[in-house]
Amino acid sequence: FYDEFGKAQGKVNMMFQRGSFPYTAIAELDAHILE
């Protein structure tokens, strides 16, 4: 897991799945958004 500048902060248990989820990006927020 990294900080906002790409420096490693430590380890996490990363869950994973592949599926159909609402996913978008809003330019005004400078962020990707997932539901």
PDB file of all heavy atoms in Angstrom:
ATOM      1  N   PHE A   1       0.873  -1.176   0.000  1.00  0.00           N
ATOM      2  CA  PHE A   1       0.000   0.000   0.000  1.00  0.00           C
ATOM      3  C   PHE A   1       0.909   1.224   0.000  1.00  0.00           C
ATOM      4  O   PHE A   1       1.891   1.293   0.745  1.00  0.00           O
ATOM      5  CB  PHE A   1      -0.907  -0.010   1.224  1.00  0.00           C
ATOM      6  CG  PHE A   1      -2.029   0.988   1.167  1.00  0.00           C
ATOM      7  CD1 PHE A   1      -3.254   0.650   0.606  1.00  0.00           C
ATOM      8  CD2 PHE A   1      -1.869   2.264   1.679  1.00  0.00           C
ATOM      9  CE1 PHE A   1      -4.293   1.562   0.556  1.00  0.00           C
ATOM     10  CE2 PHE A   1      -2.907   3.187   1.633  1.00  0.00           C
ATOM     11  CZ  PHE A   1      -4.121   2.824   1.066  1.00  0.00           C
ATOM     12  N   TYR A   2       0.583   2.217  -0.825  1.00  0.00           N
ATOM     13  CA  TYR A   2       1.465   3.360  -1.047  1.00  0.00           C
ATOM     14  C   TYR A   2       0.811   4.647  -0.546  1.00  0.00           C
ATOM     15  O   TYR A   2      -0.421   4.727  -0.389  1.00  0.00           O
ATOM     16  CB  TYR A   2       1.788   3.494  -2.533  1.00  0.00           C
ATOM     17  CG  TYR A   2       2.419   2.242  -3.122  1.00  0.00           C
ATOM     18  CD1 TYR A   2       1.608   1.231  -3.645  1.00  0.00           C
ATOM     19  CD2 TYR A   2       3.799   2.081  -3.146  1.00  0.00           C
ATOM     20  CE1 TYR A   2       2.185   0.076  -4.181  1.00  0.00           C
ATOM     21  CE2 TYR A   2       4.378   0.938  -3.684  1.00  0.00           C
ATOM     22  CZ  TYR A   2       3.563  -0.063  -4.194  1.00  0.00           C
ATOM     23  OH  TYR A   2       4.118  -1.214  -4.709  1.00  0.00           O
ATOM     24  N   ASP A   3       1.640   5.666  -0.330  1.00  0.00           N
ATOM     25  CA  ASP A   3       1.080   6.966   0.012  1.00  0.00           C
ATOM     26  C   ASP A   3       0.747   7.723  -1.268  1.00  0.00           C
ATOM     27  O   ASP A   3       0.847   7.187  -2.375  1.00  0.00           O
ATOM     28  CB  ASP A   3       2.018   7.755   0.917  1.00  0.00           C
ATOM     29  CG  ASP A   3       3.321   8.158   0.236  1.00  0.00           C
ATOM     30  OD1 ASP A   3       3.436   7.994  -1.006  1.00  0.00           O
ATOM     31  OD2 ASP A   3       4.232   8.640   0.930  1.00  0.00           O
ATOM     32  N   GLU A   4       0.355   8.979  -1.120  1.00  0.00           N
ATOM     33  CA  GLU A   4      -0.099   9.764  -2.271  1.00  0.00           C
ATOM     34  C   GLU A   4       1.023  10.096  -3.239  1.00  0.00           C
ATOM     35  O   GLU A   4       0.770  10.559  -4.358  1.00  0.00           O
ATOM     36  CB  GLU A   4      -0.763  11.050  -1.760  1.00  0.00           C
ATOM     37  CG  GLU A   4      -2.059  10.777  -1.015  1.00  0.00           C
ATOM     38  CD  GLU A   4      -2.461  11.920  -0.099  1.00  0.00           C
ATOM     39  OE1 GLU A   4      -1.554  12.587   0.434  1.00  0.00           O
ATOM     40  OE2 GLU A   4      -3.672  12.122   0.109  1.00  0.00           O
ATOM     41  N   PHE A   5       2.289   9.857  -2.834  1.00  0.00           N
ATOM     42  CA  PHE A   5       3.431  10.181  -3.690  1.00  0.00           C
ATOM     43  C   PHE A   5       4.147   8.931  -4.182  1.00  0.00           C
ATOM     44  O   PHE A   5       5.251   9.007  -4.713  1.00  0.00           O
ATOM     45  CB  PHE A   5       4.406  11.083  -2.932  1.00  0.00           C
ATOM     46  CG  PHE A   5       3.751  12.307  -2.354  1.00  0.00           C
ATOM     47  CD1 PHE A   5       3.419  12.356  -1.006  1.00  0.00           C
ATOM     48  CD2 PHE A   5       3.429  13.391  -3.151  1.00  0.00           C
ATOM     49  CE1 PHE A   5       2.798  13.470  -0.471  1.00  0.00           C
ATOM     50  CE2 PHE A   5       2.811  14.504  -2.626  1.00  0.00           C
ATOM     51  CZ  PHE A   5       2.493  14.550  -1.285  1.00  0.00           C
ATOM     52  N   GLY A   6       3.518   7.748  -3.977  1.00  0.00           N
ATOM     53  CA  GLY A   6       4.072   6.514  -4.494  1.00  0.00           C
ATOM     54  C   GLY A   6       5.056   5.829  -3.584  1.00  0.00           C
ATOM     55  O   GLY A   6       5.696   4.854  -3.989  1.00  0.00           O
ATOM     56  N   LYS A   7       5.190   6.283  -2.338  1.00  0.00           N
ATOM     57  CA  LYS A   7       6.111   5.658  -1.394  1.00  0.00           C
ATOM     58  C   LYS A   7       5.391   4.549  -0.641  1.00  0.00           C
ATOM     59  O   LYS A   7       4.291   4.746  -0.118  1.00  0.00           O
ATOM     60  CB  LYS A   7       6.643   6.701  -0.416  1.00  0.00           C
ATOM     61  CG  LYS A   7       7.667   6.136   0.565  1.00  0.00           C
ATOM     62  CD  LYS A   7       8.175   7.224   1.505  1.00  0.00           C
ATOM     63  CE  LYS A   7       9.173   6.660   2.494  1.00  0.00           C
ATOM     64  NZ  LYS A   7       9.684   7.702   3.422  1.00  0.00           N
ATOM     65  N   ALA A   8       6.025   3.368  -0.569  1.00  0.00           N
ATOM     66  CA  ALA A   8       5.405   2.221   0.095  1.00  0.00           C
ATOM     67  C   ALA A   8       5.217   2.501   1.576  1.00  0.00           C
ATOM     68  O   ALA A   8       6.117   2.995   2.256  1.00  0.00           O
ATOM     69  CB  ALA A   8       6.268   0.976  -0.110  1.00  0.00           C
ATOM     70  N   GLN A   9       4.026   2.176   2.082  1.00  0.00           N
ATOM     71  CA  GLN A   9       3.678   2.420   3.476  1.00  0.00           C
ATOM     72  C   GLN A   9       3.582   1.137   4.298  1.00  0.00           C
ATOM     73  O   GLN A   9       3.578   1.196   5.527  1.00  0.00           O
ATOM     74  CB  GLN A   9       2.338   3.158   3.550  1.00  0.00           C
ATOM     75  CG  GLN A   9       2.352   4.523   2.916  1.00  0.00           C
ATOM     76  CD  GLN A   9       3.254   5.484   3.667  1.00  0.00           C
ATOM     77  OE1 GLN A   9       3.000   5.820   4.813  1.00  0.00           O
ATOM     78  NE2 GLN A   9       4.337   5.896   3.024  1.00  0.00           N
ATOM     79  N   GLY A  10       3.426   0.023   3.649  1.00  0.00           N
ATOM     80  CA  GLY A  10       3.250  -1.230   4.372  1.00  0.00           C
ATOM     81  C   GLY A  10       2.440  -2.205   3.541  1.00  0.00           C
ATOM     82  O   GLY A  10       2.164  -1.970   2.360  1.00  0.00           O
ATOM     83  N   LYS A  11       2.073  -3.307   4.174  1.00  0.00           N
ATOM     84  CA  LYS A  11       1.332  -4.354   3.492  1.00  0.00           C
ATOM     85  C   LYS A  11      -0.132  -4.343   3.918  1.00  0.00           C
ATOM     86  O   LYS A  11      -0.478  -3.989   5.042  1.00  0.00           O
ATOM     87  CB  LYS A  11       1.937  -5.721   3.811  1.00  0.00           C
ATOM     88  CG  LYS A  11       3.380  -5.895   3.344  1.00  0.00           C
ATOM     89  CD  LYS A  11       3.474  -5.914   1.815  1.00  0.00           C
ATOM     90  CE  LYS A  11       4.897  -6.219   1.370  1.00  0.00           C
ATOM     91  NZ  LYS A  11       5.017  -6.276  -0.111  1.00  0.00           N
ATOM     92  N   VAL A  12      -1.012  -4.768   2.993  1.00  0.00           N
ATOM     93  CA  VAL A  12      -2.441  -4.922   3.276  1.00  0.00           C
ATOM     94  C   VAL A  12      -2.902  -6.256   2.719  1.00  0.00           C
ATOM     95  O   VAL A  12      -2.270  -6.830   1.828  1.00  0.00           O
ATOM     96  CB  VAL A  12      -3.282  -3.788   2.656  1.00  0.00           C
ATOM     97  CG1 VAL A  12      -2.912  -2.443   3.234  1.00  0.00           C
ATOM     98  CG2 VAL A  12      -3.123  -3.769   1.135  1.00  0.00           C
ATOM     99  N   ASN A  13      -4.014  -6.742   3.252  1.00  0.00           N
ATOM    100  CA  ASN A  13      -4.697  -7.889   2.670  1.00  0.00           C
ATOM    101  C   ASN A  13      -5.641  -7.362   1.595  1.00  0.00           C
ATOM    102  O   ASN A  13      -6.694  -6.807   1.899  1.00  0.00           O
ATOM    103  CB  ASN A  13      -5.466  -8.665   3.741  1.00  0.00           C
ATOM    104  CG  ASN A  13      -4.535  -9.376   4.703  1.00  0.00           C
ATOM    105  OD1 ASN A  13      -3.593 -10.029   4.285  1.00  0.00           O
ATOM    106  ND2 ASN A  13      -4.787  -9.244   6.000  1.00  0.00           N
ATOM    107  N   MET A  14      -5.242  -7.506   0.355  1.00  0.00           N
ATOM    108  CA  MET A  14      -5.972  -6.911  -0.765  1.00  0.00           C
ATOM    109  C   MET A  14      -7.011  -7.900  -1.296  1.00  0.00           C
ATOM    110  O   MET A  14      -6.676  -8.962  -1.807  1.00  0.00           O
ATOM    111  CB  MET A  14      -5.007  -6.528  -1.882  1.00  0.00           C
ATOM    112  CG  MET A  14      -5.651  -5.747  -3.011  1.00  0.00           C
ATOM    113  SD  MET A  14      -6.135  -4.073  -2.519  1.00  0.00           S
ATOM    114  CE  MET A  14      -4.524  -3.261  -2.497  1.00  0.00           C
ATOM    115  N   MET A  15      -8.290  -7.531  -1.144  1.00  0.00           N
ATOM    116  CA  MET A  15      -9.369  -8.344  -1.705  1.00  0.00           C
ATOM    117  C   MET A  15      -9.474  -8.071  -3.199  1.00  0.00           C
ATOM    118  O   MET A  15      -9.102  -7.000  -3.680  1.00  0.00           O
ATOM    119  CB  MET A  15     -10.694  -8.008  -1.015  1.00  0.00           C
ATOM    120  CG  MET A  15     -10.675  -8.197   0.494  1.00  0.00           C
ATOM    121  SD  MET A  15     -12.297  -7.929   1.278  1.00  0.00           S
ATOM    122  CE  MET A  15     -12.596  -6.204   0.907  1.00  0.00           C
ATOM    123  N   PHE A  16     -10.014  -9.024  -3.918  1.00  0.00           N
ATOM    124  CA  PHE A  16     -10.132  -8.877  -5.375  1.00  0.00           C
ATOM    125  C   PHE A  16     -11.410  -9.546  -5.866  1.00  0.00           C
ATOM    126  O   PHE A  16     -11.819 -10.597  -5.364  1.00  0.00           O
ATOM    127  CB  PHE A  16      -8.947  -9.529  -6.094  1.00  0.00           C
ATOM    128  CG  PHE A  16      -9.165  -9.668  -7.578  1.00  0.00           C
ATOM    129  CD1 PHE A  16      -8.995  -8.582  -8.411  1.00  0.00           C
ATOM    130  CD2 PHE A  16      -9.580 -10.883  -8.121  1.00  0.00           C
ATOM    131  CE1 PHE A  16      -9.206  -8.705  -9.776  1.00  0.00           C
ATOM    132  CE2 PHE A  16      -9.789 -11.007  -9.487  1.00  0.00           C
ATOM    133  CZ  PHE A  16      -9.605  -9.914 -10.324  1.00  0.00           C
ATOM    134  N   GLN A  17     -12.023  -8.903  -6.830  1.00  0.00           N
ATOM    135  CA  GLN A  17     -13.082  -9.547  -7.598  1.00  0.00           C
ATOM    136  C   GLN A  17     -13.250  -8.814  -8.921  1.00  0.00           C
ATOM    137  O   GLN A  17     -12.868  -7.654  -9.073  1.00  0.00           O
ATOM    138  CB  GLN A  17     -14.407  -9.583  -6.838  1.00  0.00           C
ATOM    139  CG  GLN A  17     -15.104  -8.242  -6.652  1.00  0.00           C
ATOM    140  CD  GLN A  17     -16.540  -8.417  -6.210  1.00  0.00           C
ATOM    141  OE1 GLN A  17     -17.333  -9.052  -6.906  1.00  0.00           O
ATOM    142  NE2 GLN A  17     -16.866  -7.882  -5.044  1.00  0.00           N
ATOM    143  N   ARG A  18     -13.821  -9.527  -9.870  1.00  0.00           N
ATOM    144  CA  ARG A  18     -14.113  -8.959 -11.184  1.00  0.00           C
ATOM    145  C   ARG A  18     -15.613  -9.034 -11.392  1.00  0.00           C
ATOM    146  O   ARG A  18     -16.218 -10.086 -11.241  1.00  0.00           O
ATOM    147  CB  ARG A  18     -13.394  -9.742 -12.276  1.00  0.00           C
ATOM    148  CG  ARG A  18     -13.636  -9.208 -13.687  1.00  0.00           C
ATOM    149  CD  ARG A  18     -12.989 -10.119 -14.717  1.00  0.00           C
ATOM    150  NE  ARG A  18     -11.531 -10.159 -14.543  1.00  0.00           N
ATOM    151  CZ  ARG A  18     -10.749 -10.983 -15.220  1.00  0.00           C
ATOM    152  NH1 ARG A  18     -11.257 -11.844 -16.070  1.00  0.00           N
ATOM    153  NH2 ARG A  18      -9.435 -10.950 -15.028  1.00  0.00           N
ATOM    154  N   GLY A  19     -16.216  -7.903 -11.722  1.00  0.00           N
ATOM    155  CA  GLY A  19     -17.654  -7.904 -11.892  1.00  0.00           C
ATOM    156  C   GLY A  19     -18.138  -6.621 -12.528  1.00  0.00           C
ATOM    157  O   GLY A  19     -17.358  -5.708 -12.841  1.00  0.00           O
ATOM    158  N   SER A  20     -19.439  -6.541 -12.728  1.00  0.00           N
ATOM    159  CA  SER A  20     -20.068  -5.380 -13.341  1.00  0.00           C
ATOM    160  C   SER A  20     -20.497  -4.412 -12.244  1.00  0.00           C
ATOM    161  O   SER A  20     -21.479  -4.651 -11.539  1.00  0.00           O
ATOM    162  CB  SER A  20     -21.279  -5.805 -14.184  1.00  0.00           C
ATOM    163  OG  SER A  20     -21.890  -4.695 -14.784  1.00  0.00           O
ATOM    164  N   PHE A  21     -19.749  -3.317 -12.094  1.00  0.00           N
ATOM    165  CA  PHE A  21     -20.035  -2.319 -11.062  1.00  0.00           C
ATOM    166  C   PHE A  21     -20.068  -0.933 -11.688  1.00  0.00           C
ATOM    167  O   PHE A  21     -19.320  -0.661 -12.639  1.00  0.00           O
ATOM    168  CB  PHE A  21     -18.956  -2.341  -9.970  1.00  0.00           C
ATOM    169  CG  PHE A  21     -18.804  -3.641  -9.260  1.00  0.00           C
ATOM    170  CD1 PHE A  21     -17.754  -4.493  -9.583  1.00  0.00           C
ATOM    171  CD2 PHE A  21     -19.703  -4.032  -8.283  1.00  0.00           C
ATOM    172  CE1 PHE A  21     -17.600  -5.699  -8.928  1.00  0.00           C
ATOM    173  CE2 PHE A  21     -19.560  -5.242  -7.627  1.00  0.00           C
ATOM    174  CZ  PHE A  21     -18.511  -6.082  -7.950  1.00  0.00           C
ATOM    175  N   PRO A  22     -20.910  -0.041 -11.173  1.00  0.00           N
ATOM    176  CA  PRO A  22     -20.868   1.342 -11.629  1.00  0.00           C
ATOM    177  C   PRO A  22     -19.487   1.951 -11.343  1.00  0.00           C
ATOM    178  O   PRO A  22     -19.019   1.929 -10.202  1.00  0.00           O
ATOM    179  CB  PRO A  22     -21.960   2.029 -10.798  1.00  0.00           C
ATOM    180  CG  PRO A  22     -22.882   0.919 -10.406  1.00  0.00           C
ATOM    181  CD  PRO A  22     -22.010  -0.280 -10.209  1.00  0.00           C
ATOM    182  N   TYR A  23     -18.845   2.462 -12.380  1.00  0.00           N
ATOM    183  CA  TYR A  23     -17.481   2.958 -12.263  1.00  0.00           C
ATOM    184  C   TYR A  23     -17.328   4.137 -13.197  1.00  0.00           C
ATOM    185  O   TYR A  23     -17.686   4.074 -14.374  1.00  0.00           O
ATOM    186  CB  TYR A  23     -16.494   1.842 -12.633  1.00  0.00           C
ATOM    187  CG  TYR A  23     -15.054   2.273 -12.786  1.00  0.00           C
ATOM    188  CD1 TYR A  23     -14.409   2.958 -11.768  1.00  0.00           C
ATOM    189  CD2 TYR A  23     -14.344   1.988 -13.952  1.00  0.00           C
ATOM    190  CE1 TYR A  23     -13.088   3.344 -11.892  1.00  0.00           C
ATOM    191  CE2 TYR A  23     -13.015   2.365 -14.096  1.00  0.00           C
ATOM    192  CZ  TYR A  23     -12.386   3.048 -13.062  1.00  0.00           C
ATOM    193  OH  TYR A  23     -11.082   3.429 -13.194  1.00  0.00           O
ATOM    194  N   THR A  24     -16.816   5.250 -12.673  1.00  0.00           N
ATOM    195  CA  THR A  24     -16.680   6.446 -13.497  1.00  0.00           C
ATOM    196  C   THR A  24     -15.536   7.296 -12.975  1.00  0.00           C
ATOM    197  O   THR A  24     -14.901   6.977 -11.966  1.00  0.00           O
ATOM    198  CB  THR A  24     -17.993   7.264 -13.497  1.00  0.00           C
ATOM    199  OG1 THR A  24     -17.897   8.321 -14.449  1.00  0.00           O
ATOM    200  CG2 THR A  24     -18.275   7.840 -12.126  1.00  0.00           C
ATOM    201  N   ALA A  25     -15.289   8.382 -13.661  1.00  0.00           N
ATOM    202  CA  ALA A  25     -14.305   9.381 -13.232  1.00  0.00           C
ATOM    203  C   ALA A  25     -14.932  10.754 -13.420  1.00  0.00           C
ATOM    204  O   ALA A  25     -15.600  11.003 -14.425  1.00  0.00           O
ATOM    205  CB  ALA A  25     -13.015   9.270 -14.027  1.00  0.00           C
ATOM    206  N   ILE A  26     -14.742  11.620 -12.449  1.00  0.00           N
ATOM    207  CA  ILE A  26     -15.275  12.978 -12.522  1.00  0.00           C
ATOM    208  C   ILE A  26     -14.101  13.939 -12.521  1.00  0.00           C
ATOM    209  O   ILE A  26     -13.322  13.986 -11.565  1.00  0.00           O
ATOM    210  CB  ILE A  26     -16.228  13.266 -11.349  1.00  0.00           C
ATOM    211  CG1 ILE A  26     -17.436  12.319 -11.401  1.00  0.00           C
ATOM    212  CG2 ILE A  26     -16.703  14.718 -11.373  1.00  0.00           C
ATOM    213  CD1 ILE A  26     -18.439  12.530 -10.285  1.00  0.00           C
ATOM    214  N   ALA A  27     -13.974  14.691 -13.591  1.00  0.00           N
ATOM    215  CA  ALA A  27     -12.811  15.557 -13.766  1.00  0.00           C
ATOM    216  C   ALA A  27     -12.719  16.603 -12.655  1.00  0.00           C
ATOM    217  O   ALA A  27     -11.631  16.933 -12.183  1.00  0.00           O
ATOM    218  CB  ALA A  27     -12.877  16.233 -15.138  1.00  0.00           C
ATOM    219  N   GLU A  28     -13.883  17.140 -12.243  1.00  0.00           N
ATOM    220  CA  GLU A  28     -13.856  18.178 -11.211  1.00  0.00           C
ATOM    221  C   GLU A  28     -13.315  17.668  -9.883  1.00  0.00           C
ATOM    222  O   GLU A  28     -12.833  18.450  -9.060  1.00  0.00           O
ATOM    223  CB  GLU A  28     -15.266  18.738 -10.977  1.00  0.00           C
ATOM    224  CG  GLU A  28     -15.851  19.463 -12.170  1.00  0.00           C
ATOM    225  CD  GLU A  28     -16.716  18.562 -13.021  1.00  0.00           C
ATOM    226  OE1 GLU A  28     -16.327  17.397 -13.254  1.00  0.00           O
ATOM    227  OE2 GLU A  28     -17.793  19.008 -13.435  1.00  0.00           O
ATOM    228  N   LEU A  29     -13.413  16.369  -9.664  1.00  0.00           N
ATOM    229  CA  LEU A  29     -12.926  15.786  -8.411  1.00  0.00           C
ATOM    230  C   LEU A  29     -11.498  15.273  -8.515  1.00  0.00           C
ATOM    231  O   LEU A  29     -10.872  14.978  -7.494  1.00  0.00           O
ATOM    232  CB  LEU A  29     -13.837  14.629  -7.965  1.00  0.00           C
ATOM    233  CG  LEU A  29     -15.259  14.974  -7.562  1.00  0.00           C
ATOM    234  CD1 LEU A  29     -16.020  13.707  -7.179  1.00  0.00           C
ATOM    235  CD2 LEU A  29     -15.251  15.950  -6.392  1.00  0.00           C
ATOM    236  N   ASP A  30     -10.991  15.104  -9.734  1.00  0.00           N
ATOM    237  CA  ASP A  30      -9.685  14.468  -9.924  1.00  0.00           C
ATOM    238  C   ASP A  30      -9.657  13.097  -9.270  1.00  0.00           C
ATOM    239  O   ASP A  30      -8.695  12.736  -8.574  1.00  0.00           O
ATOM    240  CB  ASP A  30      -8.556  15.334  -9.347  1.00  0.00           C
ATOM    241  CG  ASP A  30      -8.253  16.535 -10.220  1.00  0.00           C
ATOM    242  OD1 ASP A  30      -8.394  16.413 -11.447  1.00  0.00           O
ATOM    243  OD2 ASP A  30      -7.889  17.594  -9.690  1.00  0.00           O
ATOM    244  N   ALA A  31     -10.713  12.320  -9.482  1.00  0.00           N
ATOM    245  CA  ALA A  31     -10.811  11.034  -8.790  1.00  0.00           C
ATOM    246  C   ALA A  31     -11.580  10.024  -9.621  1.00  0.00           C
ATOM    247  O   ALA A  31     -12.459  10.382 -10.419  1.00  0.00           O
ATOM    248  CB  ALA A  31     -11.495  11.218  -7.436  1.00  0.00           C
ATOM    249  N   HIS A  32     -11.235   8.757  -9.427  1.00  0.00           N
ATOM    250  CA  HIS A  32     -12.006   7.635  -9.948  1.00  0.00           C
ATOM    251  C   HIS A  32     -13.022   7.244  -8.880  1.00  0.00           C
ATOM    252  O   HIS A  32     -12.738   7.300  -7.680  1.00  0.00           O
ATOM    253  CB  HIS A  32     -11.098   6.447 -10.243  1.00  0.00           C
ATOM    254  CG  HIS A  32      -9.994   6.762 -11.198  1.00  0.00           C
ATOM    255  ND1 HIS A  32     -10.157   6.733 -12.566  1.00  0.00           N
ATOM    256  CD2 HIS A  32      -8.698   7.109 -10.984  1.00  0.00           C
ATOM    257  CE1 HIS A  32      -9.023   7.046 -13.154  1.00  0.00           C
ATOM    258  NE2 HIS A  32      -8.112   7.281 -12.219  1.00  0.00           N
ATOM    259  N   ILE A  33     -14.216   6.835  -9.311  1.00  0.00           N
ATOM    260  CA  ILE A  33     -15.295   6.550  -8.363  1.00  0.00           C
ATOM    261  C   ILE A  33     -15.890   5.191  -8.681  1.00  0.00           C
ATOM    262  O   ILE A  33     -16.212   4.883  -9.831  1.00  0.00           O
ATOM    263  CB  ILE A  33     -16.386   7.641  -8.433  1.00  0.00           C
ATOM    264  CG1 ILE A  33     -15.758   9.011  -8.142  1.00  0.00           C
ATOM    265  CG2 ILE A  33     -17.498   7.353  -7.438  1.00  0.00           C
ATOM    266  CD1 ILE A  33     -16.698  10.161  -8.357  1.00  0.00           C
ATOM    267  N   LEU A  34     -16.047   4.383  -7.648  1.00  0.00           N
ATOM    268  CA  LEU A  34     -16.608   3.038  -7.784  1.00  0.00           C
ATOM    269  C   LEU A  34     -17.733   2.866  -6.778  1.00  0.00           C
ATOM    270  O   LEU A  34     -17.635   3.321  -5.634  1.00  0.00           O
ATOM    271  CB  LEU A  34     -15.525   1.986  -7.528  1.00  0.00           C
ATOM    272  CG  LEU A  34     -15.979   0.523  -7.557  1.00  0.00           C
ATOM    273  CD1 LEU A  34     -16.211   0.065  -8.994  1.00  0.00           C
ATOM    274  CD2 LEU A  34     -14.934  -0.375  -6.878  1.00  0.00           C
ATOM    275  N   GLU A  35     -18.815   2.210  -7.201  1.00  0.00           N
ATOM    276  CA  GLU A  35     -19.929   1.911  -6.299  1.00  0.00           C
ATOM    277  C   GLU A  35     -20.013   0.404  -6.076  1.00  0.00           C
ATOM    278  O   GLU A  35     -20.099  -0.374  -7.023  1.00  0.00           O
ATOM    279  CB  GLU A  35     -21.256   2.424  -6.868  1.00  0.00           C
ATOM    280  CG  GLU A  35     -22.450   2.122  -5.964  1.00  0.00           C
ATOM    281  CD  GLU A  35     -23.763   2.648  -6.513  1.00  0.00           C
ATOM    282  OE1 GLU A  35     -23.744   3.253  -7.616  1.00  0.00           O
ATOM    283  OE2 GLU A  35     -24.800   2.438  -5.862  1.00  0.00           O
TER     284      GLU A  35
END
